[in-house]
Protein backbone atom coordinates (compact mmCIF):
# COMPACT_ATOMS: atom_id res chain seq x y z
CA UNK A 1 52.75 -28.48 300.88
CA UNK A 2 55.03 -25.47 300.97
CA UNK A 3 53.81 -22.52 298.93
CA UNK A 4 56.45 -20.58 297.07
CA UNK A 5 56.41 -16.82 297.53
CA UNK A 6 54.01 -15.55 294.90
CA UNK A 7 54.34 -11.98 293.63
CA UNK A 8 50.96 -10.46 292.86
CA UNK A 9 51.13 -8.19 289.78
CA UNK A 10 54.87 -8.91 289.32
CA UNK A 11 55.61 -6.30 291.99
CA UNK A 12 59.33 -7.09 292.22
CA UNK A 13 60.54 -6.01 288.80
CA UNK A 14 63.78 -5.87 286.82
CA UNK A 15 65.67 -2.59 286.37
CA UNK A 16 64.65 -0.16 284.96
CA UNK A 17 60.92 -0.44 285.65
CA UNK A 18 58.12 0.77 283.47
CA UNK A 19 55.03 1.72 285.46
CA UNK A 20 51.58 0.53 284.33
CA UNK A 21 48.37 1.74 285.96
CA UNK A 22 44.89 0.43 285.16
CA UNK A 23 41.87 2.63 285.69
CA UNK A 24 39.14 4.68 284.07
CA UNK A 25 38.56 8.20 282.79
CA UNK A 26 35.81 10.42 281.45
CA UNK A 27 35.81 13.97 280.08
CA UNK A 28 35.36 16.75 282.60
CA UNK A 29 32.54 18.04 280.39
CA UNK A 30 30.66 14.77 280.92
CA UNK A 31 30.15 11.47 279.12
CA UNK A 32 30.87 7.80 279.69
CA UNK A 33 33.79 6.32 281.57
CA UNK A 34 36.40 4.53 279.50
CA UNK A 35 38.95 1.93 280.63
CA UNK A 36 42.53 3.19 280.44
CA UNK A 37 45.98 1.67 280.84
CA UNK A 38 48.48 4.40 281.63
CA UNK A 39 52.20 3.88 281.02
CA UNK A 40 55.17 5.80 282.33
CA UNK A 41 57.07 5.29 279.07
CA UNK A 42 54.41 5.74 276.41
CA UNK A 43 50.91 6.90 275.54
CA UNK A 44 47.91 5.60 277.44
CA UNK A 45 45.92 2.75 275.91
CA UNK A 46 42.17 3.36 275.87
CA UNK A 47 39.46 0.74 275.47
CA UNK A 48 36.76 0.89 272.83
CA UNK A 49 33.35 -0.74 272.51
CA UNK A 50 31.18 1.38 274.82
CA UNK A 51 31.32 2.50 278.43
CA UNK A 52 34.04 0.56 280.22
CA UNK A 53 36.23 0.55 283.28
CA UNK A 54 39.61 -0.92 284.21
CA UNK A 55 40.08 -2.58 287.59
CA UNK A 56 43.30 -4.62 287.73
CA UNK A 57 46.57 -5.11 285.85
CA UNK A 58 49.01 -8.02 285.71
CA UNK A 59 52.27 -8.37 283.77
CA UNK A 60 53.51 -11.75 282.57
CA UNK A 61 56.67 -11.61 280.49
CA UNK A 62 56.03 -9.11 277.71
CA UNK A 63 52.25 -9.42 277.95
CA UNK A 64 50.10 -6.87 279.75
CA UNK A 65 46.76 -8.05 281.11
CA UNK A 66 43.99 -5.86 282.50
CA UNK A 67 40.43 -6.62 283.53
CA UNK A 68 37.17 -4.88 284.30
CA UNK A 69 33.96 -4.44 282.38
CA UNK A 70 32.38 -3.17 279.18
CA UNK A 71 28.75 -2.29 279.71
CA UNK A 72 27.25 -5.23 281.60
CA UNK A 73 29.96 -7.70 280.54
CA UNK A 74 32.94 -8.93 282.54
CA UNK A 75 36.04 -8.74 280.34
CA UNK A 76 39.81 -8.82 280.29
CA UNK A 77 42.30 -7.39 277.85
CA UNK A 78 45.60 -8.91 276.73
CA UNK A 79 47.84 -6.34 275.08
CA UNK A 80 44.73 -4.30 274.31
CA UNK A 81 42.70 -7.16 272.79
CA UNK A 82 39.46 -7.78 274.65
CA UNK A 83 38.05 -11.16 275.72
CA UNK A 84 34.44 -11.24 276.93
CA UNK A 85 33.79 -13.54 279.88
CA UNK A 86 30.01 -13.06 280.08
CA UNK A 87 27.30 -12.37 277.50
CA UNK A 88 25.76 -9.28 279.04
CA UNK A 89 22.34 -10.78 279.76
CA UNK A 90 22.97 -9.98 283.43
CA UNK A 91 25.31 -7.41 284.93
CA UNK A 92 28.82 -8.78 285.59
CA UNK A 93 32.26 -7.42 286.33
CA UNK A 94 35.80 -8.71 286.65
CA UNK A 95 37.58 -7.67 289.84
CA UNK A 96 41.09 -9.20 289.62
CA UNK A 97 43.38 -10.97 287.18
CA UNK A 98 46.35 -13.31 287.65
CA UNK A 99 48.40 -15.22 285.08
CA UNK A 100 50.50 -18.30 285.80
CA UNK A 101 51.93 -20.92 283.44
CA UNK A 102 50.08 -19.25 280.54
CA UNK A 103 46.74 -19.76 282.31
CA UNK A 104 44.64 -16.63 282.73
CA UNK A 105 42.63 -16.49 285.95
CA UNK A 106 40.01 -13.77 286.39
CA UNK A 107 37.87 -13.24 289.48
CA UNK A 108 34.50 -11.50 289.35
CA UNK A 109 30.81 -11.76 289.99
CA UNK A 110 27.60 -11.82 287.96
CA UNK A 111 23.97 -11.14 288.78
CA UNK A 112 21.66 -14.16 288.38
CA UNK A 113 18.00 -14.36 287.33
CA UNK A 114 16.92 -13.92 290.96
CA UNK A 115 18.85 -10.66 291.28
CA UNK A 116 21.68 -11.99 293.45
CA UNK A 117 25.36 -11.52 292.70
CA UNK A 118 27.18 -14.83 292.23
CA UNK A 119 30.91 -14.96 293.05
CA UNK A 120 32.98 -16.81 290.46
CA UNK A 121 36.23 -16.94 288.58
CA UNK A 122 37.24 -17.92 285.08
CA UNK A 123 40.17 -20.16 284.16
CA UNK A 124 41.10 -19.48 280.54
CA UNK A 125 37.51 -18.39 280.02
CA UNK A 126 35.87 -21.39 281.73
CA UNK A 127 33.60 -20.35 284.56
CA UNK A 128 33.99 -21.74 288.09
CA UNK A 129 31.20 -20.75 290.50
CA UNK A 130 32.06 -20.01 294.14
CA UNK A 131 28.64 -19.19 295.69
CA UNK A 132 25.24 -20.86 295.36
CA UNK A 133 23.34 -17.79 294.17
CA UNK A 134 20.80 -17.78 297.01
CA UNK A 135 22.27 -14.58 298.52
CA UNK A 136 24.65 -11.88 297.36
CA UNK A 137 28.33 -12.82 297.03
CA UNK A 138 31.15 -10.81 295.51
CA UNK A 139 34.88 -11.09 294.89
CA UNK A 140 37.58 -8.44 295.26
CA UNK A 141 41.04 -9.92 294.61
CA UNK A 142 42.84 -13.15 293.76
CA UNK A 143 46.24 -14.80 293.76
CA UNK A 144 47.51 -18.19 292.58
CA UNK A 145 50.20 -19.67 294.83
CA UNK A 146 51.60 -23.06 293.89
CA UNK A 147 48.56 -25.07 292.79
CA UNK A 148 46.16 -23.15 295.03
CA UNK A 149 43.73 -20.42 294.02
CA UNK A 150 42.86 -17.79 296.64
CA UNK A 151 40.06 -15.26 296.13
CA UNK A 152 38.85 -12.63 298.59
CA UNK A 153 35.26 -11.46 298.85
CA UNK A 154 32.08 -11.44 300.86
CA UNK A 155 28.96 -13.61 301.08
CA UNK A 156 26.21 -14.41 303.58
CA UNK A 157 28.84 -15.69 306.05
CA UNK A 158 30.68 -12.34 306.07
CA UNK A 159 34.16 -11.32 304.91
CA UNK A 160 36.13 -14.31 303.63
CA UNK A 161 38.45 -15.80 301.11
CA UNK A 162 38.01 -18.95 299.08
CA UNK A 163 40.90 -21.39 298.81
CA UNK A 164 40.28 -23.71 295.87
CA UNK A 165 36.57 -23.00 296.26
CA UNK A 166 36.38 -23.64 300.02
CA UNK A 167 35.42 -20.54 302.05
CA UNK A 168 37.56 -19.37 304.96
CA UNK A 169 35.69 -16.76 306.99
CA UNK A 170 37.73 -13.85 308.38
CA UNK A 171 34.97 -11.96 310.12
CA UNK A 172 31.58 -10.28 309.95
CA UNK A 173 30.01 -7.98 307.37
CA UNK A 174 31.71 -5.10 309.18
CA UNK A 175 34.94 -6.12 307.41
CA UNK A 176 35.55 -5.26 303.77
CA UNK A 177 38.45 -7.23 302.27
CA UNK A 178 40.20 -5.71 299.27
CA UNK A 179 43.44 -7.68 298.78
CA UNK A 180 45.09 -11.04 299.39
CA UNK A 181 48.69 -12.23 299.34
CA UNK A 182 50.37 -15.56 300.13
CA UNK A 183 53.96 -16.09 301.22
CA UNK A 184 55.41 -19.32 302.62
CA UNK A 185 52.06 -20.82 303.66
CA UNK A 186 51.01 -17.57 305.37
CA UNK A 187 47.81 -16.00 304.05
CA UNK A 188 47.45 -12.24 304.33
CA UNK A 189 44.22 -10.37 303.59
CA UNK A 190 43.69 -6.62 303.93
CA UNK A 191 40.97 -3.99 303.92
CA UNK A 192 38.95 -2.05 306.45
CA UNK A 193 36.91 -2.88 309.53
CA UNK A 194 33.87 -0.76 310.41
CA UNK A 195 33.77 -0.37 314.19
CA UNK A 196 31.12 2.29 314.75
CA UNK A 197 29.59 5.47 313.44
CA UNK A 198 32.24 7.18 311.33
CA UNK A 199 35.07 4.83 312.31
CA UNK A 200 36.83 2.34 310.03
CA UNK A 201 40.15 0.70 310.92
CA UNK A 202 42.72 0.08 308.18
CA UNK A 203 43.97 -3.42 308.88
CA UNK A 204 45.32 -6.68 307.55
CA UNK A 205 44.92 -10.22 308.81
CA UNK A 206 47.75 -12.76 308.84
CA UNK A 207 46.37 -16.28 309.07
CA UNK A 208 43.20 -14.81 310.55
CA UNK A 209 44.92 -12.61 313.16
CA UNK A 210 44.19 -8.91 312.79
CA UNK A 211 46.92 -6.26 312.65
CA UNK A 212 45.58 -2.70 312.88
CA UNK A 213 47.35 0.09 311.00
CA UNK A 214 45.15 2.98 312.15
CA UNK A 215 43.57 3.96 315.46
CA UNK A 216 40.34 2.42 316.70
CA UNK A 217 38.60 5.79 316.52
CA UNK A 218 40.02 6.73 313.10
CA UNK A 219 38.91 6.31 309.52
CA UNK A 220 40.90 4.50 306.83
CA UNK A 221 41.32 1.37 304.75
CA UNK A 222 43.91 -0.71 302.92
CA UNK A 223 43.44 -0.86 299.14
CA UNK A 224 46.53 -2.89 298.19
CA UNK A 225 49.15 -5.03 299.90
CA UNK A 226 52.03 -7.39 299.28
CA UNK A 227 54.59 -9.16 301.43
CA UNK A 228 58.30 -9.76 300.80
CA UNK A 229 60.38 -11.83 303.20
CA UNK A 230 57.84 -11.26 305.93
CA UNK A 231 57.79 -7.47 305.51
CA UNK A 232 54.25 -6.21 304.91
CA UNK A 233 53.75 -3.32 302.50
CA UNK A 234 50.29 -1.78 302.31
CA UNK A 235 48.69 1.21 300.58
CA UNK A 236 45.41 2.98 301.21
CA UNK A 237 44.16 6.02 303.03
CA UNK A 238 43.62 7.54 306.45
CA UNK A 239 41.58 10.56 307.47
CA UNK A 240 43.88 13.23 308.87
CA UNK A 241 42.19 16.49 309.71
CA UNK A 242 39.25 17.12 307.38
CA UNK A 243 40.30 14.92 304.45
CA UNK A 244 41.41 11.41 303.57
CA UNK A 245 45.09 11.30 302.62
CA UNK A 246 46.95 8.72 300.54
CA UNK A 247 49.35 6.67 302.64
CA UNK A 248 51.54 3.60 302.51
CA UNK A 249 52.69 1.46 305.42
CA UNK A 250 55.81 -0.66 305.78
CA UNK A 251 55.53 -3.03 308.73
CA UNK A 252 53.01 -0.71 310.32
CA UNK A 253 54.87 2.59 309.84
CA UNK A 254 52.71 4.99 307.81
CA UNK A 255 53.90 7.60 305.31
CA UNK A 256 51.67 10.25 303.67
CA UNK A 257 52.34 10.73 299.95
CA UNK A 258 49.55 13.05 298.77
CA UNK A 259 49.40 16.85 298.71
CA UNK A 260 48.13 18.21 302.05
CA UNK A 261 46.06 20.80 300.11
CA UNK A 262 44.17 18.10 298.17
CA UNK A 263 40.48 17.71 298.90
CA UNK A 264 40.80 13.99 299.59
CA UNK A 265 43.05 11.27 298.18
CA UNK A 266 43.75 7.57 298.49
CA UNK A 267 46.44 5.13 297.41
CA UNK A 268 45.16 2.24 295.30
CA UNK A 269 48.33 0.30 294.54
CA UNK A 270 51.86 -0.38 295.72
CA UNK A 271 54.81 -1.98 293.91
CA UNK A 272 58.45 -2.62 294.74
CA UNK A 273 61.70 -2.59 292.75
CA UNK A 274 64.66 -3.45 294.92
CA UNK A 275 64.28 -1.07 297.84
CA UNK A 276 62.37 1.56 295.84
CA UNK A 277 58.62 1.82 296.26
CA UNK A 278 56.08 2.93 293.68
CA UNK A 279 52.65 3.92 295.01
CA UNK A 280 49.68 4.76 292.79
CA UNK A 281 47.12 7.19 294.14
CA UNK A 282 44.11 9.29 293.16
CA UNK A 283 43.96 12.87 294.34
CA UNK A 284 41.00 15.24 294.32
CA UNK A 285 42.72 18.57 293.77
CA UNK A 286 41.36 22.02 294.72
CA UNK A 287 39.70 22.36 291.30
CA UNK A 288 37.56 19.31 292.17
CA UNK A 289 38.95 17.25 289.26
CA UNK A 290 40.34 13.90 290.49
CA UNK A 291 43.68 12.98 289.00
CA UNK A 292 45.66 9.73 288.92
CA UNK A 293 49.30 9.85 289.97
CA UNK A 294 52.12 7.70 291.25
CA UNK A 295 54.78 8.38 293.87
CA UNK A 296 58.37 7.16 293.67
CA UNK A 297 61.23 8.23 295.94
CA UNK A 298 59.34 11.34 296.96
CA UNK A 299 58.63 12.40 293.37
CA UNK A 300 55.07 12.52 292.03
CA UNK A 301 54.17 11.83 288.39
CA UNK A 302 50.71 12.72 287.06
CA UNK A 303 49.22 10.26 284.56
CA UNK A 304 45.88 11.97 283.93
CA UNK A 305 45.41 14.00 280.75
CA UNK A 306 44.11 17.55 280.97
CA UNK A 307 40.34 17.66 280.59
CA UNK A 308 39.63 14.25 282.15
CA UNK A 309 38.41 13.02 285.50
CA UNK A 310 40.36 9.85 286.26
CA UNK A 311 40.41 6.98 288.72
CA UNK A 312 43.36 4.60 288.92
CA UNK A 313 42.72 1.13 290.30
CA UNK A 314 45.92 -0.94 290.17
CA UNK A 315 49.64 -0.60 289.55
CA UNK A 316 52.29 -2.97 288.17
CA UNK A 317 55.93 -2.78 287.11
CA UNK A 318 57.59 -4.23 284.05
């Protein structure tokens, strides 16, 4: 069956775009983290109900979906209204969200009574278990392409993705997969591959074949990725000099977007409108207060409010 090109997080958006970034913040003075949805065209939306964090964002029509956790519960929000996926008896978190045909899919994992994390996803709130609970298993991202559900993660077999519940192993535990995308029957996964003391290769795999974006003796990782007409766009970081810098890659060509004076930064999300890229990144500035920003056409917009330490996790366009 031919899979139609499936756009994770509605990355190809109508003009003009509104930028949405999911993440978390806490006061510089201390306190709990709180899930936040930043907007380029309005005030940030902040979660309530206890310590929380935002992990992913997806836009479907006029509805904005985010996911993450509140306390020990895996949750998602639709237009700011929370839905709890677990009861909090054991720690759980949501890691990715995707909406298709009015069905809400959420990937995540939950600790069981034996102390192991169990990989799973929820379809309109109904749980579907991916691992048997005898060892640790976790999820990181998901996409629905055609009638098929793809979820990246890791279990006892190593780094893998599940397609409709069946595991497809990419490699060993030295690989950490962060993202997945499907276009025209081709399956792309991305992340980092640990190759030795202090070395991690930023890479993606197309149908199981690795494509390296950084040097074998370097340090970096891919945090987000999508594909359009065979062109691979990726965002993440690479150590250049003494610090990690936020970068994006288009078909293997890397571009640094963060301030060279920052004390470390990384890109967490990438989105496309026409030929214009939007890249979300976190930057640890010289005052040691991490801030969440996005880059567009060489211009940087700061989303963080003064007095908060912030961490963006995902970007989408409306």
